[in-house]
Amino acid sequence: MIRDHPSGNEMFLGAILEQLGDRSFGWAILLSCLINLLPLPPGATLITAIPLLIFCGQLSLGFSSVRLPKRIARIRIPLEAMRRNVLRLRPVSRRLERIARPRLPAVFHPKREQFIGCLLFLVSLALFVPLPLSGWFPAIALFVASIGLVERDGIIVLAGVCAGVFSIALTAFVAASILIGANSLLH
């Protein structure tokens, strides 16, 4: 894609995502997850999970690729910097390519992808809730699912979705524990 770019030394972010097509969801979710996997202060997920909610929401609505607001889509990305970063990520991507490969194509049927998008949206909601000890699990589940979306590996997507369901249950358990603890303190 970068090599085929006809002219200029920059591309718009929106054009890059559009060229990625349905794989743009995997890349957008993956990059957003990386932010959420950083050690951030409590409550930061109220901001950092918003892009995940948007991307997963678009996937669940059946969009063909990620759609960004015009202002963000018009951000210029220098092609040379992008090439350097792609080359730096090559050792990591080679390892992932050994594990992830196109498998279980039935997962990527449009209606199933929308259902997966709904589940990932719920996982994003679990990440959005600022509860102690529950933020990393949804981010890891979304990260795993995003790798599967990028590589079109249905097995990895399903593993990420299963981890996501577990993270939703964990978030619900932590929330219930806090509510029960607060209620017992008040009475």
C-alpha atoms as a PDB file:
ATOM      1  CA  MET A   1       0.000   0.000   0.000  1.00  0.00           C
ATOM      2  CA  ILE A   2       2.709   2.497   0.961  1.00  0.00           C
ATOM      3  CA  ARG A   3       4.926   1.475  -1.953  1.00  0.00           C
ATOM      4  CA  ASP A   4       2.003   1.824  -4.359  1.00  0.00           C
ATOM      5  CA  HIS A   5       1.209   5.384  -3.276  1.00  0.00           C
ATOM      6  CA  PRO A   6       1.549   7.375  -6.514  1.00  0.00           C
ATOM      7  CA  SER A   7       2.964  10.684  -5.384  1.00  0.00           C
ATOM      8  CA  GLY A   8       3.730  12.931  -2.471  1.00  0.00           C
ATOM      9  CA  ASN A   9       5.415  12.211   0.779  1.00  0.00           C
ATOM     10  CA  GLU A  10       2.276  12.146   2.956  1.00  0.00           C
ATOM     11  CA  MET A  11      -1.047  10.319   3.120  1.00  0.00           C
ATOM     12  CA  PHE A  12      -4.215  11.135   4.991  1.00  0.00           C
ATOM     13  CA  LEU A  13      -5.038   8.865   7.929  1.00  0.00           C
ATOM     14  CA  GLY A  14      -8.546   8.337   6.544  1.00  0.00           C
ATOM     15  CA  ALA A  15      -7.134   7.223   3.164  1.00  0.00           C
ATOM     16  CA  ILE A  16      -4.842   4.712   4.853  1.00  0.00           C
ATOM     17  CA  LEU A  17      -7.719   3.186   6.803  1.00  0.00           C
ATOM     18  CA  GLU A  18      -9.938   3.151   3.719  1.00  0.00           C
ATOM     19  CA  GLN A  19      -7.281   1.247   1.755  1.00  0.00           C
ATOM     20  CA  LEU A  20      -7.063  -1.308   4.558  1.00  0.00           C
ATOM     21  CA  GLY A  21     -10.777  -2.040   4.053  1.00  0.00           C
ATOM     22  CA  ASP A  22     -12.309  -4.454   6.543  1.00  0.00           C
ATOM     23  CA  ARG A  23      -8.884  -4.999   8.121  1.00  0.00           C
ATOM     24  CA  SER A  24      -8.974  -1.363   9.232  1.00  0.00           C
ATOM     25  CA  PHE A  25     -11.080  -2.417  12.213  1.00  0.00           C
ATOM     26  CA  GLY A  26      -8.390  -4.791  13.395  1.00  0.00           C
ATOM     27  CA  TRP A  27      -5.678  -2.154  13.037  1.00  0.00           C
ATOM     28  CA  ALA A  28      -7.744   0.594  14.677  1.00  0.00           C
ATOM     29  CA  ILE A  29      -8.683  -1.629  17.623  1.00  0.00           C
ATOM     30  CA  LEU A  30      -5.116  -2.929  17.943  1.00  0.00           C
ATOM     31  CA  LEU A  31      -3.585   0.560  18.098  1.00  0.00           C
ATOM     32  CA  SER A  32      -6.239   1.761  20.551  1.00  0.00           C
ATOM     33  CA  CYS A  33      -5.612  -1.268  22.762  1.00  0.00           C
ATOM     34  CA  LEU A  34      -1.914  -0.512  22.956  1.00  0.00           C
ATOM     35  CA  ILE A  35      -2.753   2.793  24.656  1.00  0.00           C
ATOM     36  CA  ASN A  36      -5.013   1.005  27.144  1.00  0.00           C
ATOM     37  CA  LEU A  37      -2.314  -1.542  27.970  1.00  0.00           C
ATOM     38  CA  LEU A  38      -0.001   1.197  29.223  1.00  0.00           C
ATOM     39  CA  PRO A  39       0.112   1.785  32.987  1.00  0.00           C
ATOM     40  CA  LEU A  40      -2.297   4.716  33.158  1.00  0.00           C
ATOM     41  CA  PRO A  41      -3.767   6.477  36.185  1.00  0.00           C
ATOM     42  CA  PRO A  42      -7.138   5.259  37.468  1.00  0.00           C
ATOM     43  CA  GLY A  43     -10.024   6.620  35.442  1.00  0.00           C
ATOM     44  CA  ALA A  44      -7.952   7.165  32.280  1.00  0.00           C
ATOM     45  CA  THR A  45     -10.020   4.538  30.478  1.00  0.00           C
ATOM     46  CA  LEU A  46     -12.905   7.014  30.510  1.00  0.00           C
ATOM     47  CA  ILE A  47     -10.974   8.742  27.730  1.00  0.00           C
ATOM     48  CA  THR A  48      -8.792   6.034  26.199  1.00  0.00           C
ATOM     49  CA  ALA A  49     -11.685   3.577  25.696  1.00  0.00           C
ATOM     50  CA  ILE A  50     -13.766   6.015  23.634  1.00  0.00           C
ATOM     51  CA  PRO A  51     -12.048   5.171  20.316  1.00  0.00           C
ATOM     52  CA  LEU A  52     -12.573   1.463  21.028  1.00  0.00           C
ATOM     53  CA  LEU A  53     -16.272   2.067  21.623  1.00  0.00           C
ATOM     54  CA  ILE A  54     -16.472   3.924  18.303  1.00  0.00           C
ATOM     55  CA  PHE A  55     -14.526   1.343  16.283  1.00  0.00           C
ATOM     56  CA  CYS A  56     -16.340  -1.664  17.766  1.00  0.00           C
ATOM     57  CA  GLY A  57     -19.656   0.151  17.346  1.00  0.00           C
ATOM     58  CA  GLN A  58     -18.911   0.709  13.658  1.00  0.00           C
ATOM     59  CA  LEU A  59     -17.967  -2.961  13.245  1.00  0.00           C
ATOM     60  CA  SER A  60     -21.235  -4.012  14.904  1.00  0.00           C
ATOM     61  CA  LEU A  61     -23.186  -1.714  12.558  1.00  0.00           C
ATOM     62  CA  GLY A  62     -21.660  -3.407   9.519  1.00  0.00           C
ATOM     63  CA  PHE A  63     -19.449  -0.587   8.225  1.00  0.00           C
ATOM     64  CA  SER A  64     -17.042  -1.715   5.504  1.00  0.00           C
ATOM     65  CA  SER A  65     -14.087   0.128   7.063  1.00  0.00           C
ATOM     66  CA  VAL A  66     -13.350   2.464   9.959  1.00  0.00           C
ATOM     67  CA  ARG A  67     -14.840   5.900   9.480  1.00  0.00           C
ATOM     68  CA  LEU A  68     -13.233   8.805  11.252  1.00  0.00           C
ATOM     69  CA  PRO A  69     -14.489  12.350  11.722  1.00  0.00           C
ATOM     70  CA  LYS A  70     -13.265  14.525   8.824  1.00  0.00           C
ATOM     71  CA  ARG A  71     -10.899  16.477  11.041  1.00  0.00           C
ATOM     72  CA  ILE A  72      -9.126  13.303  12.213  1.00  0.00           C
ATOM     73  CA  ALA A  73      -9.296  11.604   8.794  1.00  0.00           C
ATOM     74  CA  ARG A  74      -7.434  14.592   7.306  1.00  0.00           C
ATOM     75  CA  ILE A  75      -4.411  14.129   9.584  1.00  0.00           C
ATOM     76  CA  ARG A  76      -1.364  13.808   7.369  1.00  0.00           C
ATOM     77  CA  ILE A  77       0.946  10.862   7.966  1.00  0.00           C
ATOM     78  CA  PRO A  78       4.502  11.212   6.593  1.00  0.00           C
ATOM     79  CA  LEU A  79       5.175   8.148   4.432  1.00  0.00           C
ATOM     80  CA  GLU A  80       8.850   7.933   5.342  1.00  0.00           C
ATOM     81  CA  ALA A  81       8.046   7.828   9.073  1.00  0.00           C
ATOM     82  CA  MET A  82       5.406   5.202   8.382  1.00  0.00           C
ATOM     83  CA  ARG A  83       7.897   3.082   6.427  1.00  0.00           C
ATOM     84  CA  ARG A  84      10.426   3.307   9.273  1.00  0.00           C
ATOM     85  CA  ASN A  85       7.825   2.220  11.836  1.00  0.00           C
ATOM     86  CA  VAL A  86       6.667  -0.676   9.672  1.00  0.00           C
ATOM     87  CA  LEU A  87      10.276  -1.850   9.356  1.00  0.00           C
ATOM     88  CA  ARG A  88      10.786  -1.564  13.124  1.00  0.00           C
ATOM     89  CA  LEU A  89       7.706  -3.705  13.728  1.00  0.00           C
ATOM     90  CA  ARG A  90       8.873  -6.376  11.284  1.00  0.00           C
ATOM     91  CA  PRO A  91      10.410  -8.708  13.939  1.00  0.00           C
ATOM     92  CA  VAL A  92       7.157  -8.640  15.939  1.00  0.00           C
ATOM     93  CA  SER A  93       4.975  -9.091  12.864  1.00  0.00           C
ATOM     94  CA  ARG A  94       7.040 -12.076  11.710  1.00  0.00           C
ATOM     95  CA  ARG A  95       6.416 -13.812  15.048  1.00  0.00           C
ATOM     96  CA  LEU A  96       2.696 -13.069  14.809  1.00  0.00           C
ATOM     97  CA  GLU A  97       2.570 -14.345  11.233  1.00  0.00           C
ATOM     98  CA  ARG A  98       3.902 -17.705  12.423  1.00  0.00           C
ATOM     99  CA  ILE A  99       0.965 -18.019  14.817  1.00  0.00           C
ATOM    100  CA  ALA A 100      -1.804 -16.146  13.024  1.00  0.00           C
ATOM    101  CA  ARG A 101      -2.868 -17.093   9.531  1.00  0.00           C
ATOM    102  CA  PRO A 102      -6.178 -17.082   7.671  1.00  0.00           C
ATOM    103  CA  ARG A 103      -8.284 -19.755   9.368  1.00  0.00           C
ATOM    104  CA  LEU A 104     -11.957 -20.394  10.032  1.00  0.00           C
ATOM    105  CA  PRO A 105     -13.268 -17.986   7.357  1.00  0.00           C
ATOM    106  CA  ALA A 106     -16.880 -18.565   8.477  1.00  0.00           C
ATOM    107  CA  VAL A 107     -16.219 -16.158  11.362  1.00  0.00           C
ATOM    108  CA  PHE A 108     -15.865 -13.331   8.846  1.00  0.00           C
ATOM    109  CA  HIS A 109     -19.322 -13.670   7.329  1.00  0.00           C
ATOM    110  CA  PRO A 110     -20.853 -10.143   7.507  1.00  0.00           C
ATOM    111  CA  LYS A 111     -23.585 -11.055  10.029  1.00  0.00           C
ATOM    112  CA  ARG A 112     -21.124 -12.932  12.245  1.00  0.00           C
ATOM    113  CA  GLU A 113     -18.674 -10.035  12.062  1.00  0.00           C
ATOM    114  CA  GLN A 114     -21.464  -7.718  13.212  1.00  0.00           C
ATOM    115  CA  PHE A 115     -22.213 -10.052  16.124  1.00  0.00           C
ATOM    116  CA  ILE A 116     -18.510 -10.129  17.010  1.00  0.00           C
ATOM    117  CA  GLY A 117     -18.536  -6.323  16.790  1.00  0.00           C
ATOM    118  CA  CYS A 118     -21.420  -6.255  19.305  1.00  0.00           C
ATOM    119  CA  LEU A 119     -19.506  -8.502  21.701  1.00  0.00           C
ATOM    120  CA  LEU A 120     -16.346  -6.403  21.309  1.00  0.00           C
ATOM    121  CA  PHE A 121     -18.430  -3.282  21.943  1.00  0.00           C
ATOM    122  CA  LEU A 122     -19.542  -4.815  25.253  1.00  0.00           C
ATOM    123  CA  VAL A 123     -15.917  -5.614  26.075  1.00  0.00           C
ATOM    124  CA  SER A 124     -15.074  -1.969  25.290  1.00  0.00           C
ATOM    125  CA  LEU A 125     -17.819  -0.910  27.701  1.00  0.00           C
ATOM    126  CA  ALA A 126     -16.226  -3.119  30.367  1.00  0.00           C
ATOM    127  CA  LEU A 127     -12.926  -1.353  29.678  1.00  0.00           C
ATOM    128  CA  PHE A 128     -14.650   2.034  29.808  1.00  0.00           C
ATOM    129  CA  VAL A 129     -15.883   1.417  33.369  1.00  0.00           C
ATOM    130  CA  PRO A 130     -13.142   2.771  35.682  1.00  0.00           C
ATOM    131  CA  LEU A 131     -12.943  -0.070  38.187  1.00  0.00           C
ATOM    132  CA  PRO A 132      -9.756  -1.193  39.911  1.00  0.00           C
ATOM    133  CA  LEU A 133      -8.230  -4.479  38.739  1.00  0.00           C
ATOM    134  CA  SER A 134     -10.551  -4.846  35.751  1.00  0.00           C
ATOM    135  CA  GLY A 135      -9.125  -2.619  32.994  1.00  0.00           C
ATOM    136  CA  TRP A 136      -6.312  -4.694  31.561  1.00  0.00           C
ATOM    137  CA  PHE A 137      -8.363  -7.833  30.967  1.00  0.00           C
ATOM    138  CA  PRO A 138     -10.751  -6.211  28.465  1.00  0.00           C
ATOM    139  CA  ALA A 139      -7.810  -4.471  26.753  1.00  0.00           C
ATOM    140  CA  ILE A 140      -5.952  -7.776  26.380  1.00  0.00           C
ATOM    141  CA  ALA A 141      -9.087  -9.484  25.039  1.00  0.00           C
ATOM    142  CA  LEU A 142      -9.605  -6.688  22.493  1.00  0.00           C
ATOM    143  CA  PHE A 143      -5.921  -6.847  21.539  1.00  0.00           C
ATOM    144  CA  VAL A 144      -6.122 -10.598  20.856  1.00  0.00           C
ATOM    145  CA  ALA A 145      -9.334 -10.209  18.839  1.00  0.00           C
ATOM    146  CA  SER A 146      -7.796  -7.356  16.840  1.00  0.00           C
ATOM    147  CA  ILE A 147      -4.829  -9.529  15.829  1.00  0.00           C
ATOM    148  CA  GLY A 148      -7.320 -12.094  14.573  1.00  0.00           C
ATOM    149  CA  LEU A 149      -9.203  -9.402  12.636  1.00  0.00           C
ATOM    150  CA  VAL A 150      -6.007  -8.125  11.018  1.00  0.00           C
ATOM    151  CA  GLU A 151      -4.780 -11.593  10.051  1.00  0.00           C
ATOM    152  CA  ARG A 152      -8.294 -12.922   9.259  1.00  0.00           C
ATOM    153  CA  ASP A 153      -7.725 -15.717  11.771  1.00  0.00           C
ATOM    154  CA  GLY A 154     -11.124 -16.796  13.083  1.00  0.00           C
ATOM    155  CA  ILE A 155      -9.604 -18.943  15.830  1.00  0.00           C
ATOM    156  CA  ILE A 156      -7.725 -15.989  17.321  1.00  0.00           C
ATOM    157  CA  VAL A 157     -10.816 -13.764  16.996  1.00  0.00           C
ATOM    158  CA  LEU A 158     -12.874 -16.348  18.883  1.00  0.00           C
ATOM    159  CA  ALA A 159     -10.148 -16.647  21.542  1.00  0.00           C
ATOM    160  CA  GLY A 160     -10.250 -12.858  21.960  1.00  0.00           C
ATOM    161  CA  VAL A 161     -14.050 -12.887  22.175  1.00  0.00           C
ATOM    162  CA  CYS A 162     -13.964 -15.656  24.809  1.00  0.00           C
ATOM    163  CA  ALA A 163     -11.400 -13.689  26.806  1.00  0.00           C
ATOM    164  CA  GLY A 164     -13.656 -10.657  26.375  1.00  0.00           C
ATOM    165  CA  VAL A 165     -16.676 -12.486  27.802  1.00  0.00           C
ATOM    166  CA  PHE A 166     -14.499 -13.489  30.764  1.00  0.00           C
ATOM    167  CA  SER A 167     -13.419  -9.844  31.202  1.00  0.00           C
ATOM    168  CA  ILE A 168     -17.055  -8.693  31.166  1.00  0.00           C
ATOM    169  CA  ALA A 169     -17.839 -11.236  33.879  1.00  0.00           C
ATOM    170  CA  LEU A 170     -14.797 -10.087  35.864  1.00  0.00           C
ATOM    171  CA  THR A 171     -15.846  -6.438  35.549  1.00  0.00           C
ATOM    172  CA  ALA A 172     -19.387  -7.322  36.684  1.00  0.00           C
ATOM    173  CA  PHE A 173     -17.942  -9.268  39.646  1.00  0.00           C
ATOM    174  CA  VAL A 174     -15.688  -6.361  40.684  1.00  0.00           C
ATOM    175  CA  ALA A 175     -18.584  -3.886  40.354  1.00  0.00           C
ATOM    176  CA  ALA A 176     -20.907  -6.137  42.376  1.00  0.00           C
ATOM    177  CA  SER A 177     -18.227  -6.605  45.058  1.00  0.00           C
ATOM    178  CA  ILE A 178     -17.750  -2.852  45.354  1.00  0.00           C
ATOM    179  CA  LEU A 179     -21.511  -2.268  45.574  1.00  0.00           C
ATOM    180  CA  ILE A 180     -21.961  -4.995  48.190  1.00  0.00           C
ATOM    181  CA  GLY A 181     -19.006  -3.653  50.186  1.00  0.00           C
ATOM    182  CA  ALA A 182     -20.295  -0.084  50.014  1.00  0.00           C
ATOM    183  CA  ASN A 183     -23.782  -1.222  50.987  1.00  0.00           C
ATOM    184  CA  SER A 184     -22.496  -3.157  53.996  1.00  0.00           C
ATOM    185  CA  LEU A 185     -20.509  -0.110  55.125  1.00  0.00           C
ATOM    186  CA  LEU A 186     -23.593   2.083  54.932  1.00  0.00           C
ATOM    187  CA  HIS A 187     -25.808  -0.289  56.915  1.00  0.00           C
END
